[in-house]
């Protein structure tokens, strides 16, 4: 889902670029934007359902819906600019719509990150435990080899 959201941000940036250099290509980019948003919406359903709690799930849904409204407005502006490519006001409106969509993409990414906090905490804890186990294994290996023996005659094996 993160990858799809980032793809939307890239397409939006390309739309801004093409609005000044080649407005004829805005239709292709608008189709790409529509396709990517559709994919994001499909990916958002399971993400919202598996969120830590219902509030986070509804927050993800709401942010994705807001992004959809922004994308629709941007596609409309792209169509208007294709009809009159030299209209400076329409270019300005398209750039403003693109800015809003980029902002909404960041809101979606933030909502997803909030939904993954518990998962991330488990991953971090598992990593820490793995590190401790590796350290213990290393210590046991050195102790068994006798490199950690004290100068007296006691060995690790005696204490083990």
C-alpha atoms as a PDB file:
ATOM      1  CA  UNK A   1       0.000   0.000   0.000  1.00  0.00           C
ATOM      2  CA  UNK A   2       2.877   2.348   0.775  1.00  0.00           C
ATOM      3  CA  UNK A   3       4.359   1.620  -2.643  1.00  0.00           C
ATOM      4  CA  UNK A   4       1.062   2.520  -4.338  1.00  0.00           C
ATOM      5  CA  UNK A   5       0.765   5.761  -2.361  1.00  0.00           C
ATOM      6  CA  UNK A   6       4.288   6.713  -3.390  1.00  0.00           C
ATOM      7  CA  UNK A   7       3.437   5.905  -7.025  1.00  0.00           C
ATOM      8  CA  UNK A   8       0.531   8.345  -6.776  1.00  0.00           C
ATOM      9  CA  UNK A   9       2.886  11.041  -5.474  1.00  0.00           C
ATOM     10  CA  UNK A  10       5.271  10.449  -8.400  1.00  0.00           C
ATOM     11  CA  UNK A  11       2.441  10.619 -10.945  1.00  0.00           C
ATOM     12  CA  UNK A  12       1.169  13.853  -9.397  1.00  0.00           C
ATOM     13  CA  UNK A  13       4.631  15.384  -9.684  1.00  0.00           C
ATOM     14  CA  UNK A  14       4.823  14.316 -13.323  1.00  0.00           C
ATOM     15  CA  UNK A  15       1.454  15.978 -13.933  1.00  0.00           C
ATOM     16  CA  UNK A  16       2.806  19.244 -12.581  1.00  0.00           C
ATOM     17  CA  UNK A  17       5.825  18.974 -14.880  1.00  0.00           C
ATOM     18  CA  UNK A  18       3.753  18.078 -17.945  1.00  0.00           C
ATOM     19  CA  UNK A  19       1.301  20.901 -17.266  1.00  0.00           C
ATOM     20  CA  UNK A  20       3.953  23.351 -18.431  1.00  0.00           C
ATOM     21  CA  UNK A  21       6.000  21.241 -20.849  1.00  0.00           C
ATOM     22  CA  UNK A  22       3.482  18.961 -22.586  1.00  0.00           C
ATOM     23  CA  UNK A  23      -0.179  19.231 -21.495  1.00  0.00           C
ATOM     24  CA  UNK A  24      -1.204  16.656 -24.129  1.00  0.00           C
ATOM     25  CA  UNK A  25       0.266  13.904 -21.932  1.00  0.00           C
ATOM     26  CA  UNK A  26      -1.904  14.803 -18.945  1.00  0.00           C
ATOM     27  CA  UNK A  27      -4.600  12.344 -20.045  1.00  0.00           C
ATOM     28  CA  UNK A  28      -2.205   9.408 -19.827  1.00  0.00           C
ATOM     29  CA  UNK A  29      -1.039  10.541 -16.410  1.00  0.00           C
ATOM     30  CA  UNK A  30      -4.629  11.072 -15.244  1.00  0.00           C
ATOM     31  CA  UNK A  31      -5.395   7.478 -16.263  1.00  0.00           C
ATOM     32  CA  UNK A  32      -2.345   6.285 -14.334  1.00  0.00           C
ATOM     33  CA  UNK A  33      -3.413   8.300 -11.299  1.00  0.00           C
ATOM     34  CA  UNK A  34      -6.916   6.826 -11.472  1.00  0.00           C
ATOM     35  CA  UNK A  35      -5.541   3.291 -11.779  1.00  0.00           C
ATOM     36  CA  UNK A  36      -3.112   3.756  -8.856  1.00  0.00           C
ATOM     37  CA  UNK A  37      -5.831   5.236  -6.653  1.00  0.00           C
ATOM     38  CA  UNK A  38      -8.144   2.314  -7.445  1.00  0.00           C
ATOM     39  CA  UNK A  39      -5.403  -0.087  -6.410  1.00  0.00           C
ATOM     40  CA  UNK A  40      -4.750   1.917  -3.229  1.00  0.00           C
ATOM     41  CA  UNK A  41      -8.448   1.840  -2.344  1.00  0.00           C
ATOM     42  CA  UNK A  42      -8.484  -1.946  -2.748  1.00  0.00           C
ATOM     43  CA  UNK A  43      -5.386  -2.301  -0.578  1.00  0.00           C
ATOM     44  CA  UNK A  44      -6.855   0.019   2.066  1.00  0.00           C
ATOM     45  CA  UNK A  45      -9.766  -2.301   2.855  1.00  0.00           C
ATOM     46  CA  UNK A  46      -7.725  -5.080   4.459  1.00  0.00           C
ATOM     47  CA  UNK A  47      -5.367  -2.521   6.033  1.00  0.00           C
ATOM     48  CA  UNK A  48      -8.309  -0.831   7.750  1.00  0.00           C
ATOM     49  CA  UNK A  49      -9.765  -4.164   8.872  1.00  0.00           C
ATOM     50  CA  UNK A  50      -6.505  -5.390  10.376  1.00  0.00           C
ATOM     51  CA  UNK A  51      -5.609  -2.112  12.100  1.00  0.00           C
ATOM     52  CA  UNK A  52      -4.929  -2.178  15.848  1.00  0.00           C
ATOM     53  CA  UNK A  53      -8.344  -0.793  16.658  1.00  0.00           C
ATOM     54  CA  UNK A  54     -11.494   0.412  14.953  1.00  0.00           C
ATOM     55  CA  UNK A  55     -10.564   4.081  15.325  1.00  0.00           C
ATOM     56  CA  UNK A  56      -7.316   3.644  13.407  1.00  0.00           C
ATOM     57  CA  UNK A  57      -9.138   1.597  10.770  1.00  0.00           C
ATOM     58  CA  UNK A  58     -11.720   4.326  10.211  1.00  0.00           C
ATOM     59  CA  UNK A  59      -8.924   6.919  10.137  1.00  0.00           C
ATOM     60  CA  UNK A  60      -7.210   4.997   7.316  1.00  0.00           C
ATOM     61  CA  UNK A  61     -10.510   4.792   5.391  1.00  0.00           C
ATOM     62  CA  UNK A  62     -11.190   8.500   5.858  1.00  0.00           C
ATOM     63  CA  UNK A  63      -7.711   9.524   4.681  1.00  0.00           C
ATOM     64  CA  UNK A  64      -7.962   7.294   1.602  1.00  0.00           C
ATOM     65  CA  UNK A  65     -11.377   8.786   0.779  1.00  0.00           C
ATOM     66  CA  UNK A  66      -9.996  12.314   1.118  1.00  0.00           C
ATOM     67  CA  UNK A  67      -7.173  11.351  -1.223  1.00  0.00           C
ATOM     68  CA  UNK A  68      -9.761  10.062  -3.708  1.00  0.00           C
ATOM     69  CA  UNK A  69     -11.589  13.396  -3.701  1.00  0.00           C
ATOM     70  CA  UNK A  70      -8.293  15.194  -4.259  1.00  0.00           C
ATOM     71  CA  UNK A  71      -7.379  12.865  -7.137  1.00  0.00           C
ATOM     72  CA  UNK A  72     -10.781  13.436  -8.756  1.00  0.00           C
ATOM     73  CA  UNK A  73     -10.306  17.196  -8.567  1.00  0.00           C
ATOM     74  CA  UNK A  74      -6.807  16.894 -10.038  1.00  0.00           C
ATOM     75  CA  UNK A  75      -8.057  14.763 -12.942  1.00  0.00           C
ATOM     76  CA  UNK A  76     -10.756  17.364 -13.617  1.00  0.00           C
ATOM     77  CA  UNK A  77      -8.147  20.147 -13.659  1.00  0.00           C
ATOM     78  CA  UNK A  78      -5.963  18.082 -15.995  1.00  0.00           C
ATOM     79  CA  UNK A  79      -8.888  17.740 -18.405  1.00  0.00           C
ATOM     80  CA  UNK A  80      -9.545  21.473 -18.258  1.00  0.00           C
ATOM     81  CA  UNK A  81      -5.893  22.232 -18.951  1.00  0.00           C
ATOM     82  CA  UNK A  82      -5.877  19.895 -21.941  1.00  0.00           C
ATOM     83  CA  UNK A  83      -8.823  21.854 -23.359  1.00  0.00           C
ATOM     84  CA  UNK A  84      -6.988  25.165 -22.974  1.00  0.00           C
ATOM     85  CA  UNK A  85      -3.248  24.490 -22.542  1.00  0.00           C
ATOM     86  CA  UNK A  86      -2.229  28.155 -22.551  1.00  0.00           C
ATOM     87  CA  UNK A  87      -4.599  29.213 -19.728  1.00  0.00           C
ATOM     88  CA  UNK A  88      -2.338  30.317 -16.868  1.00  0.00           C
ATOM     89  CA  UNK A  89      -5.179  30.274 -14.323  1.00  0.00           C
ATOM     90  CA  UNK A  90      -6.014  26.641 -15.114  1.00  0.00           C
ATOM     91  CA  UNK A  91      -2.320  25.719 -14.789  1.00  0.00           C
ATOM     92  CA  UNK A  92      -2.260  27.405 -11.403  1.00  0.00           C
ATOM     93  CA  UNK A  93      -5.380  25.471 -10.335  1.00  0.00           C
ATOM     94  CA  UNK A  94      -3.829  22.188 -11.474  1.00  0.00           C
ATOM     95  CA  UNK A  95      -0.644  22.890  -9.516  1.00  0.00           C
ATOM     96  CA  UNK A  96      -2.691  23.736  -6.415  1.00  0.00           C
ATOM     97  CA  UNK A  97      -4.727  20.530  -6.791  1.00  0.00           C
ATOM     98  CA  UNK A  98      -1.511  18.556  -7.191  1.00  0.00           C
ATOM     99  CA  UNK A  99      -0.139  20.093  -3.993  1.00  0.00           C
ATOM    100  CA  UNK A 100      -3.296  19.075  -2.124  1.00  0.00           C
ATOM    101  CA  UNK A 101      -3.080  15.508  -3.459  1.00  0.00           C
ATOM    102  CA  UNK A 102       0.568  15.259  -2.403  1.00  0.00           C
ATOM    103  CA  UNK A 103      -0.417  16.469   1.048  1.00  0.00           C
ATOM    104  CA  UNK A 104      -3.221  13.886   1.220  1.00  0.00           C
ATOM    105  CA  UNK A 105      -0.789  11.128   0.214  1.00  0.00           C
ATOM    106  CA  UNK A 106       1.347  12.058   3.219  1.00  0.00           C
ATOM    107  CA  UNK A 107      -1.776  11.886   5.422  1.00  0.00           C
ATOM    108  CA  UNK A 108      -2.525   8.369   4.121  1.00  0.00           C
ATOM    109  CA  UNK A 109       1.061   7.289   4.814  1.00  0.00           C
ATOM    110  CA  UNK A 110       0.850   8.739   8.337  1.00  0.00           C
ATOM    111  CA  UNK A 111      -2.421   6.884   8.978  1.00  0.00           C
ATOM    112  CA  UNK A 112      -0.836   3.635   7.803  1.00  0.00           C
ATOM    113  CA  UNK A 113       2.154   4.206  10.040  1.00  0.00           C
ATOM    114  CA  UNK A 114      -0.163   4.766  13.019  1.00  0.00           C
ATOM    115  CA  UNK A 115      -1.880   1.484  12.184  1.00  0.00           C
ATOM    116  CA  UNK A 116       1.437  -0.363  12.183  1.00  0.00           C
ATOM    117  CA  UNK A 117       2.768   0.841  15.548  1.00  0.00           C
ATOM    118  CA  UNK A 118       1.889  -2.394  17.369  1.00  0.00           C
ATOM    119  CA  UNK A 119       3.373  -4.513  14.617  1.00  0.00           C
ATOM    120  CA  UNK A 120       6.523  -2.407  14.589  1.00  0.00           C
ATOM    121  CA  UNK A 121       6.827  -2.709  18.380  1.00  0.00           C
ATOM    122  CA  UNK A 122       6.662  -6.522  18.105  1.00  0.00           C
ATOM    123  CA  UNK A 123       9.298  -6.519  15.358  1.00  0.00           C
ATOM    124  CA  UNK A 124      11.572  -4.310  17.469  1.00  0.00           C
ATOM    125  CA  UNK A 125      11.109  -6.516  20.541  1.00  0.00           C
ATOM    126  CA  UNK A 126      11.775  -9.701  18.554  1.00  0.00           C
ATOM    127  CA  UNK A 127      14.924  -8.154  17.139  1.00  0.00           C
ATOM    128  CA  UNK A 128      16.132  -7.193  20.624  1.00  0.00           C
ATOM    129  CA  UNK A 129      15.460 -10.704  21.949  1.00  0.00           C
ATOM    130  CA  UNK A 130      17.322 -12.211  18.971  1.00  0.00           C
ATOM    131  CA  UNK A 131      20.293  -9.977  19.739  1.00  0.00           C
ATOM    132  CA  UNK A 132      20.328 -11.063  23.380  1.00  0.00           C
ATOM    133  CA  UNK A 133      20.139 -14.742  22.390  1.00  0.00           C
ATOM    134  CA  UNK A 134      23.023 -14.258  19.950  1.00  0.00           C
ATOM    135  CA  UNK A 135      25.086 -12.588  22.692  1.00  0.00           C
ATOM    136  CA  UNK A 136      24.360 -15.458  25.088  1.00  0.00           C
ATOM    137  CA  UNK A 137      25.291 -18.022  22.427  1.00  0.00           C
ATOM    138  CA  UNK A 138      28.574 -16.209  21.829  1.00  0.00           C
ATOM    139  CA  UNK A 139      29.343 -16.056  25.545  1.00  0.00           C
ATOM    140  CA  UNK A 140      28.577 -19.767  25.940  1.00  0.00           C
ATOM    141  CA  UNK A 141      30.833 -20.573  22.978  1.00  0.00           C
ATOM    142  CA  UNK A 142      33.769 -18.639  24.494  1.00  0.00           C
ATOM    143  CA  UNK A 143      33.135 -20.073  27.941  1.00  0.00           C
ATOM    144  CA  UNK A 144      32.992 -23.614  26.601  1.00  0.00           C
ATOM    145  CA  UNK A 145      36.243 -23.054  24.721  1.00  0.00           C
ATOM    146  CA  UNK A 146      37.855 -22.029  28.005  1.00  0.00           C
ATOM    147  CA  UNK A 147      38.731 -18.439  27.084  1.00  0.00           C
ATOM    148  CA  UNK A 148      36.606 -17.046  29.907  1.00  0.00           C
ATOM    149  CA  UNK A 149      38.035 -19.319  32.628  1.00  0.00           C
ATOM    150  CA  UNK A 150      39.368 -17.645  35.720  1.00  0.00           C
ATOM    151  CA  UNK A 151      42.949 -18.126  36.662  1.00  0.00           C
ATOM    152  CA  UNK A 152      42.051 -20.738  39.256  1.00  0.00           C
ATOM    153  CA  UNK A 153      41.141 -24.249  38.215  1.00  0.00           C
ATOM    154  CA  UNK A 154      37.372 -23.723  37.911  1.00  0.00           C
ATOM    155  CA  UNK A 155      35.921 -24.121  34.415  1.00  0.00           C
ATOM    156  CA  UNK A 156      32.653 -23.115  32.849  1.00  0.00           C
ATOM    157  CA  UNK A 157      31.713 -26.773  32.496  1.00  0.00           C
ATOM    158  CA  UNK A 158      31.928 -27.140  36.326  1.00  0.00           C
ATOM    159  CA  UNK A 159      29.368 -24.361  36.766  1.00  0.00           C
ATOM    160  CA  UNK A 160      27.216 -25.274  33.814  1.00  0.00           C
END
